[in-house]
């Protein structure tokens, strides 16, 4: 039998006690004080009877969330040094686990706390850039402390607010470049070059690289259609080939064409012009892939320093998050332009 103790009577609104005389509606199961039920003369939940549903006790109110703002902040983060509430499990600034931390003033001099994200029984594992690899929790900084300085007046926390997307890659890379002075190859920068720079809001450099790649590709199309193709047709005619039937030279015809090209260095150069244009495009892609991370780091440092110099700390934080990040619309625009350049422009030539 259902215990109705504590549930309020739907007529008088008083909670049922252990010794109350309680009657239950035989149709929907709603409980009443016997006196209340006799006073009404019927069950008041007629809508449930018509719908064929049973009465259900009201759900208990949700437990109130603990007010951590009023707690004493006595847990110091072992990474960034921020004081957190006594019941906090993770640092509210950098996300470091506080399970191994002790309250300020109660630190044991004999047993130091274990390193962040690592159990006390195992040494800290680090990634290729020197960052701590967390075994169970996600670290948006990639193991880099937000308070660590990246450049004069710029911390890694400031840079992460400006980078926003994929900070787990860029923060360790920036620290590696800062500590070693060497670059790390960026595959996205290599594949997309100017488009990647524009996507990362490096508008000036990205526009220059995009213009260079655009001109090199147009040059490739032009020399292929107006220089290399007519020369190849002329060479085929000299060795007795009919290119209207398809370009399928025999071994003797290939040898004869090679001899004709070898005798004339100017002709050889003109035949190689399309290849040289493609080679120049590849060189630009390699340069951007190799130097892309360092260029982006300098761009972030300069932008953060400029933003922080224009307002207070609170205004600078908002400006970093607003002006930083990526430009998705320009990435879509570049994809459309690339599609038109590759598929439409050759048809016009």
C-alpha atoms as a PDB file:
ATOM      1  CA  UNK A   1       0.000   0.000   0.000  1.00  0.00           C
ATOM      2  CA  UNK A   2       1.324   3.446  -0.915  1.00  0.00           C
ATOM      3  CA  UNK A   3       2.498   5.533   2.036  1.00  0.00           C
ATOM      4  CA  UNK A   4       0.912   8.987   1.685  1.00  0.00           C
ATOM      5  CA  UNK A   5       2.717  10.538   4.654  1.00  0.00           C
ATOM      6  CA  UNK A   6       3.929  14.022   3.735  1.00  0.00           C
ATOM      7  CA  UNK A   7       1.726  14.310   0.622  1.00  0.00           C
ATOM      8  CA  UNK A   8      -0.745  17.207   0.743  1.00  0.00           C
ATOM      9  CA  UNK A   9      -4.492  16.555   0.656  1.00  0.00           C
ATOM     10  CA  UNK A  10      -5.858  18.023  -2.599  1.00  0.00           C
ATOM     11  CA  UNK A  11      -8.865  19.530  -0.738  1.00  0.00           C
ATOM     12  CA  UNK A  12      -7.507  21.131   2.444  1.00  0.00           C
ATOM     13  CA  UNK A  13      -3.856  21.333   1.382  1.00  0.00           C
ATOM     14  CA  UNK A  14      -2.535  19.868   4.636  1.00  0.00           C
ATOM     15  CA  UNK A  15       0.088  17.121   4.554  1.00  0.00           C
ATOM     16  CA  UNK A  16      -1.007  13.634   5.634  1.00  0.00           C
ATOM     17  CA  UNK A  17       0.343  12.426   8.980  1.00  0.00           C
ATOM     18  CA  UNK A  18       1.129   8.912  10.017  1.00  0.00           C
ATOM     19  CA  UNK A  19      -2.125   8.419  11.971  1.00  0.00           C
ATOM     20  CA  UNK A  20      -4.511  10.325   9.635  1.00  0.00           C
ATOM     21  CA  UNK A  21      -7.626   8.547   8.345  1.00  0.00           C
ATOM     22  CA  UNK A  22      -6.895   8.512   4.577  1.00  0.00           C
ATOM     23  CA  UNK A  23      -9.251   7.289   1.861  1.00  0.00           C
ATOM     24  CA  UNK A  24      -8.275   6.700  -1.761  1.00  0.00           C
ATOM     25  CA  UNK A  25     -10.360   7.270  -4.888  1.00  0.00           C
ATOM     26  CA  UNK A  26     -11.101   3.799  -6.304  1.00  0.00           C
ATOM     27  CA  UNK A  27     -10.872   5.094  -9.890  1.00  0.00           C
ATOM     28  CA  UNK A  28      -7.698   7.228 -10.022  1.00  0.00           C
ATOM     29  CA  UNK A  29      -6.051   6.518  -6.646  1.00  0.00           C
ATOM     30  CA  UNK A  30      -6.018  10.121  -5.343  1.00  0.00           C
ATOM     31  CA  UNK A  31      -5.736  10.266  -1.494  1.00  0.00           C
ATOM     32  CA  UNK A  32      -8.015  12.435   0.747  1.00  0.00           C
ATOM     33  CA  UNK A  33      -8.724  12.975   4.407  1.00  0.00           C
ATOM     34  CA  UNK A  34     -11.892  11.014   5.022  1.00  0.00           C
ATOM     35  CA  UNK A  35     -13.629  14.189   6.232  1.00  0.00           C
ATOM     36  CA  UNK A  36     -12.478  16.124   3.137  1.00  0.00           C
ATOM     37  CA  UNK A  37     -13.701  13.408   0.797  1.00  0.00           C
ATOM     38  CA  UNK A  38     -17.095  13.238   2.504  1.00  0.00           C
ATOM     39  CA  UNK A  39     -17.308  17.034   2.364  1.00  0.00           C
ATOM     40  CA  UNK A  40     -16.747  17.069  -1.408  1.00  0.00           C
ATOM     41  CA  UNK A  41     -18.837  13.947  -1.965  1.00  0.00           C
ATOM     42  CA  UNK A  42     -16.675  12.837  -4.886  1.00  0.00           C
ATOM     43  CA  UNK A  43     -13.132  12.834  -6.305  1.00  0.00           C
ATOM     44  CA  UNK A  44     -12.136  16.268  -7.580  1.00  0.00           C
ATOM     45  CA  UNK A  45      -9.945  14.842 -10.379  1.00  0.00           C
ATOM     46  CA  UNK A  46     -12.705  14.292 -12.895  1.00  0.00           C
ATOM     47  CA  UNK A  47     -10.372  15.153 -15.769  1.00  0.00           C
ATOM     48  CA  UNK A  48      -8.176  12.182 -14.894  1.00  0.00           C
ATOM     49  CA  UNK A  49     -11.220   9.896 -14.834  1.00  0.00           C
ATOM     50  CA  UNK A  50     -12.273  11.074 -18.308  1.00  0.00           C
ATOM     51  CA  UNK A  51      -8.755  10.593 -19.683  1.00  0.00           C
ATOM     52  CA  UNK A  52      -8.408   7.187 -18.046  1.00  0.00           C
ATOM     53  CA  UNK A  53      -5.286   8.245 -16.173  1.00  0.00           C
ATOM     54  CA  UNK A  54      -4.175   7.573 -12.608  1.00  0.00           C
ATOM     55  CA  UNK A  55      -3.348  10.187 -10.018  1.00  0.00           C
ATOM     56  CA  UNK A  56       0.382  10.525  -9.352  1.00  0.00           C
ATOM     57  CA  UNK A  57       2.008  12.170  -6.333  1.00  0.00           C
ATOM     58  CA  UNK A  58       3.745  15.489  -7.092  1.00  0.00           C
ATOM     59  CA  UNK A  59       7.462  15.285  -7.852  1.00  0.00           C
ATOM     60  CA  UNK A  60       9.711  16.404  -4.995  1.00  0.00           C
ATOM     61  CA  UNK A  61      11.366  19.822  -5.509  1.00  0.00           C
ATOM     62  CA  UNK A  62      14.892  19.657  -6.987  1.00  0.00           C
ATOM     63  CA  UNK A  63      17.711  20.035  -4.473  1.00  0.00           C
ATOM     64  CA  UNK A  64      19.153  23.498  -4.266  1.00  0.00           C
ATOM     65  CA  UNK A  65      22.585  23.900  -5.791  1.00  0.00           C
ATOM     66  CA  UNK A  66      25.324  24.542  -3.334  1.00  0.00           C
ATOM     67  CA  UNK A  67      26.299  28.190  -3.186  1.00  0.00           C
ATOM     68  CA  UNK A  68      29.993  27.951  -3.930  1.00  0.00           C
ATOM     69  CA  UNK A  69      30.328  31.736  -4.121  1.00  0.00           C
ATOM     70  CA  UNK A  70      29.933  31.968  -0.366  1.00  0.00           C
ATOM     71  CA  UNK A  71      32.539  29.269   0.307  1.00  0.00           C
ATOM     72  CA  UNK A  72      36.002  30.026   1.541  1.00  0.00           C
ATOM     73  CA  UNK A  73      38.491  29.988  -1.332  1.00  0.00           C
ATOM     74  CA  UNK A  74      41.319  27.947   0.168  1.00  0.00           C
ATOM     75  CA  UNK A  75      42.298  25.576  -2.656  1.00  0.00           C
ATOM     76  CA  UNK A  76      45.263  26.880  -4.633  1.00  0.00           C
ATOM     77  CA  UNK A  77      45.635  25.611  -8.199  1.00  0.00           C
ATOM     78  CA  UNK A  78      49.037  23.843  -8.552  1.00  0.00           C
ATOM     79  CA  UNK A  79      49.429  25.186 -12.111  1.00  0.00           C
ATOM     80  CA  UNK A  80      48.269  28.819 -12.236  1.00  0.00           C
ATOM     81  CA  UNK A  81      48.025  29.579  -8.492  1.00  0.00           C
ATOM     82  CA  UNK A  82      44.374  30.701  -8.560  1.00  0.00           C
ATOM     83  CA  UNK A  83      42.438  30.275  -5.285  1.00  0.00           C
ATOM     84  CA  UNK A  84      39.280  28.178  -5.724  1.00  0.00           C
ATOM     85  CA  UNK A  85      36.289  27.316  -3.505  1.00  0.00           C
ATOM     86  CA  UNK A  86      36.751  24.637  -0.849  1.00  0.00           C
ATOM     87  CA  UNK A  87      34.464  22.141  -2.659  1.00  0.00           C
ATOM     88  CA  UNK A  88      35.775  22.823  -6.190  1.00  0.00           C
ATOM     89  CA  UNK A  89      37.131  19.813  -8.105  1.00  0.00           C
ATOM     90  CA  UNK A  90      38.759  21.769 -10.963  1.00  0.00           C
ATOM     91  CA  UNK A  91      40.397  25.178 -11.233  1.00  0.00           C
ATOM     92  CA  UNK A  92      37.879  27.757 -12.527  1.00  0.00           C
ATOM     93  CA  UNK A  93      40.615  29.456 -14.569  1.00  0.00           C
ATOM     94  CA  UNK A  94      42.735  26.766 -16.261  1.00  0.00           C
ATOM     95  CA  UNK A  95      40.716  23.598 -15.555  1.00  0.00           C
ATOM     96  CA  UNK A  96      43.466  21.777 -13.646  1.00  0.00           C
ATOM     97  CA  UNK A  97      42.278  18.987 -11.323  1.00  0.00           C
ATOM     98  CA  UNK A  98      42.267  20.019  -7.647  1.00  0.00           C
ATOM     99  CA  UNK A  99      41.844  16.499  -6.265  1.00  0.00           C
ATOM    100  CA  UNK A 100      45.460  16.400  -5.094  1.00  0.00           C
ATOM    101  CA  UNK A 101      45.571  19.999  -3.836  1.00  0.00           C
ATOM    102  CA  UNK A 102      45.380  20.899  -0.124  1.00  0.00           C
ATOM    103  CA  UNK A 103      43.842  24.057   1.418  1.00  0.00           C
ATOM    104  CA  UNK A 104      46.113  27.063   1.655  1.00  0.00           C
ATOM    105  CA  UNK A 105      47.970  27.075   4.960  1.00  0.00           C
ATOM    106  CA  UNK A 106      47.610  23.294   5.351  1.00  0.00           C
ATOM    107  CA  UNK A 107      50.146  22.215   2.750  1.00  0.00           C
ATOM    108  CA  UNK A 108      52.357  19.371   3.833  1.00  0.00           C
ATOM    109  CA  UNK A 109      56.052  20.033   3.493  1.00  0.00           C
ATOM    110  CA  UNK A 110      56.787  16.304   3.450  1.00  0.00           C
ATOM    111  CA  UNK A 111      54.315  15.145   0.781  1.00  0.00           C
ATOM    112  CA  UNK A 112      54.072  17.626  -2.113  1.00  0.00           C
ATOM    113  CA  UNK A 113      50.927  17.434  -4.287  1.00  0.00           C
ATOM    114  CA  UNK A 114      51.165  15.327  -7.451  1.00  0.00           C
ATOM    115  CA  UNK A 115      51.558  17.101 -10.823  1.00  0.00           C
ATOM    116  CA  UNK A 116      48.321  18.149 -12.620  1.00  0.00           C
ATOM    117  CA  UNK A 117      46.315  15.490 -14.456  1.00  0.00           C
ATOM    118  CA  UNK A 118      48.695  12.716 -13.238  1.00  0.00           C
ATOM    119  CA  UNK A 119      48.205  10.233 -10.407  1.00  0.00           C
ATOM    120  CA  UNK A 120      50.725  10.251  -7.569  1.00  0.00           C
ATOM    121  CA  UNK A 121      51.974   6.795  -8.517  1.00  0.00           C
ATOM    122  CA  UNK A 122      53.013   7.612 -12.129  1.00  0.00           C
ATOM    123  CA  UNK A 123      55.325  10.252 -13.624  1.00  0.00           C
ATOM    124  CA  UNK A 124      53.807  13.015 -15.743  1.00  0.00           C
ATOM    125  CA  UNK A 125      53.701  12.158 -19.465  1.00  0.00           C
ATOM    126  CA  UNK A 126      54.305  15.005 -21.887  1.00  0.00           C
ATOM    127  CA  UNK A 127      53.491  15.582 -25.545  1.00  0.00           C
ATOM    128  CA  UNK A 128      55.928  16.498 -28.317  1.00  0.00           C
ATOM    129  CA  UNK A 129      55.773  20.186 -27.369  1.00  0.00           C
ATOM    130  CA  UNK A 130      56.440  19.737 -23.647  1.00  0.00           C
ATOM    131  CA  UNK A 131      52.808  19.933 -22.473  1.00  0.00           C
ATOM    132  CA  UNK A 132      51.377  17.564 -19.860  1.00  0.00           C
ATOM    133  CA  UNK A 133      49.111  14.911 -21.378  1.00  0.00           C
ATOM    134  CA  UNK A 134      45.930  14.651 -19.236  1.00  0.00           C
ATOM    135  CA  UNK A 135      44.817  10.996 -18.835  1.00  0.00           C
ATOM    136  CA  UNK A 136      41.160  11.675 -18.030  1.00  0.00           C
ATOM    137  CA  UNK A 137      40.188  15.338 -18.430  1.00  0.00           C
ATOM    138  CA  UNK A 138      40.237  17.735 -21.394  1.00  0.00           C
ATOM    139  CA  UNK A 139      42.704  20.607 -21.155  1.00  0.00           C
ATOM    140  CA  UNK A 140      41.910  23.432 -23.642  1.00  0.00           C
ATOM    141  CA  UNK A 141      45.440  24.815 -23.159  1.00  0.00           C
ATOM    142  CA  UNK A 142      47.174  21.570 -24.179  1.00  0.00           C
ATOM    143  CA  UNK A 143      49.118  21.430 -20.913  1.00  0.00           C
ATOM    144  CA  UNK A 144      50.282  25.064 -21.034  1.00  0.00           C
ATOM    145  CA  UNK A 145      49.601  27.326 -18.051  1.00  0.00           C
ATOM    146  CA  UNK A 146      47.464  30.378 -18.931  1.00  0.00           C
ATOM    147  CA  UNK A 147      49.631  32.539 -16.645  1.00  0.00           C
ATOM    148  CA  UNK A 148      52.851  31.621 -18.479  1.00  0.00           C
ATOM    149  CA  UNK A 149      54.200  34.604 -20.483  1.00  0.00           C
ATOM    150  CA  UNK A 150      54.279  34.226 -24.264  1.00  0.00           C
ATOM    151  CA  UNK A 151      55.794  37.620 -25.020  1.00  0.00           C
ATOM    152  CA  UNK A 152      56.174  40.978 -23.336  1.00  0.00           C
ATOM    153  CA  UNK A 153      52.757  41.905 -21.937  1.00  0.00           C
ATOM    154  CA  UNK A 154      51.074  38.825 -23.468  1.00  0.00           C
ATOM    155  CA  UNK A 155      50.359  35.559 -21.641  1.00  0.00           C
ATOM    156  CA  UNK A 156      49.323  32.225 -23.110  1.00  0.00           C
ATOM    157  CA  UNK A 157      45.878  32.804 -21.557  1.00  0.00           C
ATOM    158  CA  UNK A 158      45.531  36.031 -23.566  1.00  0.00           C
ATOM    159  CA  UNK A 159      46.671  34.264 -26.747  1.00  0.00           C
ATOM    160  CA  UNK A 160      44.200  31.408 -26.211  1.00  0.00           C
ATOM    161  CA  UNK A 161      41.312  33.897 -25.936  1.00  0.00           C
ATOM    162  CA  UNK A 162      42.340  35.372 -29.295  1.00  0.00           C
ATOM    163  CA  UNK A 163      42.967  32.000 -31.017  1.00  0.00           C
ATOM    164  CA  UNK A 164      39.705  30.471 -29.625  1.00  0.00           C
ATOM    165  CA  UNK A 165      39.454  27.526 -32.043  1.00  0.00           C
ATOM    166  CA  UNK A 166      41.969  24.636 -31.706  1.00  0.00           C
ATOM    167  CA  UNK A 167      43.919  26.088 -28.770  1.00  0.00           C
ATOM    168  CA  UNK A 168      44.971  22.557 -27.798  1.00  0.00           C
ATOM    169  CA  UNK A 169      47.214  22.572 -30.892  1.00  0.00           C
ATOM    170  CA  UNK A 170      48.385  26.171 -31.070  1.00  0.00           C
ATOM    171  CA  UNK A 171      49.268  26.795 -27.401  1.00  0.00           C
ATOM    172  CA  UNK A 172      51.840  23.924 -27.164  1.00  0.00           C
ATOM    173  CA  UNK A 173      53.181  24.875 -30.602  1.00  0.00           C
ATOM    174  CA  UNK A 174      53.591  28.522 -29.571  1.00  0.00           C
ATOM    175  CA  UNK A 175      55.477  27.444 -26.447  1.00  0.00           C
ATOM    176  CA  UNK A 176      57.704  25.123 -28.515  1.00  0.00           C
ATOM    177  CA  UNK A 177      58.536  27.981 -30.916  1.00  0.00           C
ATOM    178  CA  UNK A 178      59.179  30.351 -27.986  1.00  0.00           C
ATOM    179  CA  UNK A 179      61.508  27.906 -26.204  1.00  0.00           C
ATOM    180  CA  UNK A 180      63.419  26.504 -29.201  1.00  0.00           C
ATOM    181  CA  UNK A 181      63.102  29.200 -31.877  1.00  0.00           C
ATOM    182  CA  UNK A 182      62.244  26.484 -34.421  1.00  0.00           C
ATOM    183  CA  UNK A 183      59.059  26.142 -36.459  1.00  0.00           C
ATOM    184  CA  UNK A 184      56.533  23.330 -36.547  1.00  0.00           C
ATOM    185  CA  UNK A 185      55.120  22.322 -39.939  1.00  0.00           C
ATOM    186  CA  UNK A 186      51.427  23.206 -40.288  1.00  0.00           C
ATOM    187  CA  UNK A 187      49.617  20.860 -42.695  1.00  0.00           C
ATOM    188  CA  UNK A 188      46.545  23.103 -43.009  1.00  0.00           C
ATOM    189  CA  UNK A 189      48.735  26.096 -43.858  1.00  0.00           C
ATOM    190  CA  UNK A 190      50.558  23.996 -46.483  1.00  0.00           C
ATOM    191  CA  UNK A 191      47.385  22.715 -48.152  1.00  0.00           C
ATOM    192  CA  UNK A 192      45.376  25.967 -48.138  1.00  0.00           C
ATOM    193  CA  UNK A 193      48.102  28.652 -47.885  1.00  0.00           C
ATOM    194  CA  UNK A 194      46.456  32.047 -48.369  1.00  0.00           C
ATOM    195  CA  UNK A 195      42.985  30.708 -47.608  1.00  0.00           C
ATOM    196  CA  UNK A 196      44.240  29.394 -44.248  1.00  0.00           C
ATOM    197  CA  UNK A 197      45.757  32.774 -43.418  1.00  0.00           C
ATOM    198  CA  UNK A 198      42.516  34.575 -44.273  1.00  0.00           C
ATOM    199  CA  UNK A 199      40.557  32.008 -42.224  1.00  0.00           C
ATOM    200  CA  UNK A 200      42.837  32.801 -39.262  1.00  0.00           C
ATOM    201  CA  UNK A 201      42.235  36.558 -39.784  1.00  0.00           C
ATOM    202  CA  UNK A 202      45.726  37.331 -41.082  1.00  0.00           C
ATOM    203  CA  UNK A 203      44.113  39.471 -43.743  1.00  0.00           C
ATOM    204  CA  UNK A 204      47.081  41.434 -45.088  1.00  0.00           C
ATOM    205  CA  UNK A 205      49.493  38.526 -45.486  1.00  0.00           C
ATOM    206  CA  UNK A 206      46.667  36.224 -46.549  1.00  0.00           C
ATOM    207  CA  UNK A 207      45.574  38.582 -49.335  1.00  0.00           C
ATOM    208  CA  UNK A 208      49.144  38.799 -50.653  1.00  0.00           C
ATOM    209  CA  UNK A 209      49.677  35.020 -50.661  1.00  0.00           C
ATOM    210  CA  UNK A 210      46.249  34.407 -52.214  1.00  0.00           C
ATOM    211  CA  UNK A 211      46.993  36.929 -54.985  1.00  0.00           C
ATOM    212  CA  UNK A 212      50.366  35.263 -55.688  1.00  0.00           C
ATOM    213  CA  UNK A 213      48.782  31.800 -55.909  1.00  0.00           C
ATOM    214  CA  UNK A 214      45.961  33.140 -58.084  1.00  0.00           C
ATOM    215  CA  UNK A 215      48.401  34.774 -60.513  1.00  0.00           C
ATOM    216  CA  UNK A 216      50.602  31.662 -60.669  1.00  0.00           C
ATOM    217  CA  UNK A 217      47.600  29.468 -61.462  1.00  0.00           C
ATOM    218  CA  UNK A 218      46.386  31.844 -64.174  1.00  0.00           C
ATOM    219  CA  UNK A 219      49.916  31.889 -65.601  1.00  0.00           C
ATOM    220  CA  UNK A 220      49.923  28.079 -65.595  1.00  0.00           C
ATOM    221  CA  UNK A 221      46.648  27.992 -67.529  1.00  0.00           C
ATOM    222  CA  UNK A 222      47.795  30.670 -69.985  1.00  0.00           C
ATOM    223  CA  UNK A 223      51.176  29.107 -70.846  1.00  0.00           C
ATOM    224  CA  UNK A 224      49.568  25.675 -71.104  1.00  0.00           C
ATOM    225  CA  UNK A 225      46.880  26.816 -73.550  1.00  0.00           C
ATOM    226  CA  UNK A 226      48.751  29.488 -75.541  1.00  0.00           C
ATOM    227  CA  UNK A 227      52.376  28.280 -75.430  1.00  0.00           C
ATOM    228  CA  UNK A 228      52.917  24.632 -74.528  1.00  0.00           C
ATOM    229  CA  UNK A 229      49.889  23.181 -76.342  1.00  0.00           C
ATOM    230  CA  UNK A 230      50.619  24.876 -79.757  1.00  0.00           C
ATOM    231  CA  UNK A 231      54.316  23.920 -79.508  1.00  0.00           C
ATOM    232  CA  UNK A 232      53.391  20.320 -78.771  1.00  0.00           C
ATOM    233  CA  UNK A 233      51.021  20.267 -81.730  1.00  0.00           C
ATOM    234  CA  UNK A 234      53.759  21.712 -83.970  1.00  0.00           C
ATOM    235  CA  UNK A 235      56.270  19.090 -82.783  1.00  0.00           C
ATOM    236  CA  UNK A 236      53.725  16.345 -83.420  1.00  0.00           C
ATOM    237  CA  UNK A 237      53.252  17.604 -86.963  1.00  0.00           C
ATOM    238  CA  UNK A 238      57.018  17.631 -87.581  1.00  0.00           C
ATOM    239  CA  UNK A 239      57.321  13.942 -86.648  1.00  0.00           C
ATOM    240  CA  UNK A 240      54.304  12.946 -88.751  1.00  0.00           C
ATOM    241  CA  UNK A 241      51.607  12.668 -86.045  1.00  0.00           C
ATOM    242  CA  UNK A 242      47.958  13.579 -86.620  1.00  0.00           C
ATOM    243  CA  UNK A 243      46.828  14.927 -83.214  1.00  0.00           C
ATOM    244  CA  UNK A 244      43.196  15.055 -84.404  1.00  0.00           C
ATOM    245  CA  UNK A 245      43.199  11.279 -83.981  1.00  0.00           C
ATOM    246  CA  UNK A 246      44.595  11.521 -80.438  1.00  0.00           C
ATOM    247  CA  UNK A 247      48.027  12.077 -78.927  1.00  0.00           C
ATOM    248  CA  UNK A 248      49.465   8.533 -78.897  1.00  0.00           C
ATOM    249  CA  UNK A 249      53.047   8.787 -80.263  1.00  0.00           C
ATOM    250  CA  UNK A 250      55.128   5.743 -80.948  1.00  0.00           C
ATOM    251  CA  UNK A 251      58.549   5.251 -79.402  1.00  0.00           C
ATOM    252  CA  UNK A 252      60.270   6.529 -82.549  1.00  0.00           C
ATOM    253  CA  UNK A 253      58.049   9.623 -82.639  1.00  0.00           C
ATOM    254  CA  UNK A 254      58.741  10.344 -78.948  1.00  0.00           C
ATOM    255  CA  UNK A 255      62.467  10.044 -79.569  1.00  0.00           C
ATOM    256  CA  UNK A 256      62.266  12.379 -82.585  1.00  0.00           C
ATOM    257  CA  UNK A 257      60.296  14.992 -80.565  1.00  0.00           C
ATOM    258  CA  UNK A 258      62.839  14.799 -77.732  1.00  0.00           C
ATOM    259  CA  UNK A 259      65.686  15.415 -80.157  1.00  0.00           C
ATOM    260  CA  UNK A 260      63.894  18.454 -81.628  1.00  0.00           C
ATOM    261  CA  UNK A 261      63.345  19.942 -78.161  1.00  0.00           C
ATOM    262  CA  UNK A 262      66.923  19.221 -77.047  1.00  0.00           C
ATOM    263  CA  UNK A 263      68.363  21.140 -80.025  1.00  0.00           C
ATOM    264  CA  UNK A 264      66.524  24.350 -79.087  1.00  0.00           C
ATOM    265  CA  UNK A 265      66.946  25.574 -75.430  1.00  0.00           C
ATOM    266  CA  UNK A 266      64.281  28.256 -75.931  1.00  0.00           C
ATOM    267  CA  UNK A 267      61.788  25.631 -77.064  1.00  0.00           C
ATOM    268  CA  UNK A 268      62.680  23.468 -74.053  1.00  0.00           C
ATOM    269  CA  UNK A 269      62.116  26.402 -71.706  1.00  0.00           C
ATOM    270  CA  UNK A 270      58.744  27.212 -73.290  1.00  0.00           C
ATOM    271  CA  UNK A 271      57.652  23.589 -72.974  1.00  0.00           C
ATOM    272  CA  UNK A 272      58.614  23.601 -69.287  1.00  0.00           C
ATOM    273  CA  UNK A 273      56.761  26.837 -68.429  1.00  0.00           C
ATOM    274  CA  UNK A 274      53.597  25.077 -67.087  1.00  0.00           C
ATOM    275  CA  UNK A 275      55.752  22.871 -64.871  1.00  0.00           C
ATOM    276  CA  UNK A 276      57.676  25.898 -63.578  1.00  0.00           C
ATOM    277  CA  UNK A 277      54.415  27.637 -62.633  1.00  0.00           C
ATOM    278  CA  UNK A 278      53.256  24.597 -60.695  1.00  0.00           C
ATOM    279  CA  UNK A 279      56.682  24.342 -59.051  1.00  0.00           C
ATOM    280  CA  UNK A 280      56.446  27.973 -57.948  1.00  0.00           C
ATOM    281  CA  UNK A 281      53.008  27.296 -56.417  1.00  0.00           C
ATOM    282  CA  UNK A 282      54.431  24.305 -54.544  1.00  0.00           C
ATOM    283  CA  UNK A 283      57.310  26.426 -53.199  1.00  0.00           C
ATOM    284  CA  UNK A 284      54.846  29.018 -51.865  1.00  0.00           C
ATOM    285  CA  UNK A 285      52.796  26.259 -50.196  1.00  0.00           C
ATOM    286  CA  UNK A 286      55.893  24.754 -48.549  1.00  0.00           C
ATOM    287  CA  UNK A 287      57.055  28.154 -47.269  1.00  0.00           C
ATOM    288  CA  UNK A 288      53.642  28.877 -45.722  1.00  0.00           C
ATOM    289  CA  UNK A 289      53.484  25.370 -44.246  1.00  0.00           C
ATOM    290  CA  UNK A 290      56.910  25.751 -42.638  1.00  0.00           C
ATOM    291  CA  UNK A 291      56.543  29.340 -41.392  1.00  0.00           C
ATOM    292  CA  UNK A 292      52.768  29.447 -40.882  1.00  0.00           C
ATOM    293  CA  UNK A 293      52.762  28.744 -37.133  1.00  0.00           C
ATOM    294  CA  UNK A 294      55.431  31.346 -36.368  1.00  0.00           C
ATOM    295  CA  UNK A 295      53.656  33.932 -38.539  1.00  0.00           C
ATOM    296  CA  UNK A 296      50.378  33.208 -36.768  1.00  0.00           C
ATOM    297  CA  UNK A 297      52.037  33.455 -33.349  1.00  0.00           C
ATOM    298  CA  UNK A 298      53.465  36.878 -34.212  1.00  0.00           C
ATOM    299  CA  UNK A 299      50.061  37.946 -35.523  1.00  0.00           C
ATOM    300  CA  UNK A 300      48.376  36.836 -32.273  1.00  0.00           C
ATOM    301  CA  UNK A 301      50.984  38.558 -30.073  1.00  0.00           C
ATOM    302  CA  UNK A 302      50.725  41.818 -32.012  1.00  0.00           C
ATOM    303  CA  UNK A 303      46.919  41.756 -32.037  1.00  0.00           C
ATOM    304  CA  UNK A 304      46.662  40.941 -28.305  1.00  0.00           C
ATOM    305  CA  UNK A 305      49.161  43.662 -27.383  1.00  0.00           C
ATOM    306  CA  UNK A 306      47.268  46.192 -29.489  1.00  0.00           C
ATOM    307  CA  UNK A 307      43.871  45.240 -28.013  1.00  0.00           C
ATOM    308  CA  UNK A 308      45.144  45.288 -24.419  1.00  0.00           C
ATOM    309  CA  UNK A 309      46.611  48.737 -24.964  1.00  0.00           C
ATOM    310  CA  UNK A 310      43.261  50.179 -26.026  1.00  0.00           C
ATOM    311  CA  UNK A 311      41.178  49.540 -22.873  1.00  0.00           C
ATOM    312  CA  UNK A 312      40.863  48.091 -19.395  1.00  0.00           C
ATOM    313  CA  UNK A 313      41.368  44.425 -18.575  1.00  0.00           C
ATOM    314  CA  UNK A 314      37.649  43.618 -18.753  1.00  0.00           C
ATOM    315  CA  UNK A 315      37.200  45.452 -22.049  1.00  0.00           C
ATOM    316  CA  UNK A 316      40.325  43.763 -23.447  1.00  0.00           C
ATOM    317  CA  UNK A 317      38.965  40.296 -22.597  1.00  0.00           C
ATOM    318  CA  UNK A 318      35.732  40.989 -24.470  1.00  0.00           C
ATOM    319  CA  UNK A 319      37.640  42.486 -27.412  1.00  0.00           C
ATOM    320  CA  UNK A 320      39.967  39.469 -27.605  1.00  0.00           C
ATOM    321  CA  UNK A 321      37.042  37.072 -27.842  1.00  0.00           C
ATOM    322  CA  UNK A 322      35.232  39.310 -30.354  1.00  0.00           C
ATOM    323  CA  UNK A 323      38.128  40.141 -32.687  1.00  0.00           C
ATOM    324  CA  UNK A 324      39.875  36.774 -32.403  1.00  0.00           C
ATOM    325  CA  UNK A 325      38.866  33.323 -33.578  1.00  0.00           C
ATOM    326  CA  UNK A 326      38.347  32.436 -37.224  1.00  0.00           C
ATOM    327  CA  UNK A 327      36.431  33.829 -40.186  1.00  0.00           C
ATOM    328  CA  UNK A 328      34.174  31.047 -41.475  1.00  0.00           C
ATOM    329  CA  UNK A 329      32.462  33.186 -44.119  1.00  0.00           C
ATOM    330  CA  UNK A 330      35.728  33.959 -45.869  1.00  0.00           C
ATOM    331  CA  UNK A 331      36.580  30.244 -45.876  1.00  0.00           C
ATOM    332  CA  UNK A 332      33.312  29.484 -47.686  1.00  0.00           C
ATOM    333  CA  UNK A 333      33.973  32.341 -50.119  1.00  0.00           C
ATOM    334  CA  UNK A 334      37.469  31.015 -50.866  1.00  0.00           C
ATOM    335  CA  UNK A 335      36.052  27.535 -51.546  1.00  0.00           C
ATOM    336  CA  UNK A 336      33.579  28.968 -54.066  1.00  0.00           C
ATOM    337  CA  UNK A 337      36.321  31.015 -55.758  1.00  0.00           C
ATOM    338  CA  UNK A 338      38.585  27.971 -55.941  1.00  0.00           C
ATOM    339  CA  UNK A 339      35.797  25.903 -57.509  1.00  0.00           C
ATOM    340  CA  UNK A 340      35.167  28.565 -60.155  1.00  0.00           C
ATOM    341  CA  UNK A 341      38.886  29.008 -60.845  1.00  0.00           C
ATOM    342  CA  UNK A 342      39.499  25.306 -61.389  1.00  0.00           C
ATOM    343  CA  UNK A 343      36.317  24.395 -63.252  1.00  0.00           C
ATOM    344  CA  UNK A 344      35.142  27.538 -65.059  1.00  0.00           C
ATOM    345  CA  UNK A 345      38.255  29.516 -66.026  1.00  0.00           C
ATOM    346  CA  UNK A 346      39.814  26.634 -68.067  1.00  0.00           C
ATOM    347  CA  UNK A 347      36.612  26.478 -70.138  1.00  0.00           C
ATOM    348  CA  UNK A 348      36.903  30.199 -70.977  1.00  0.00           C
ATOM    349  CA  UNK A 349      40.469  29.753 -72.188  1.00  0.00           C
END
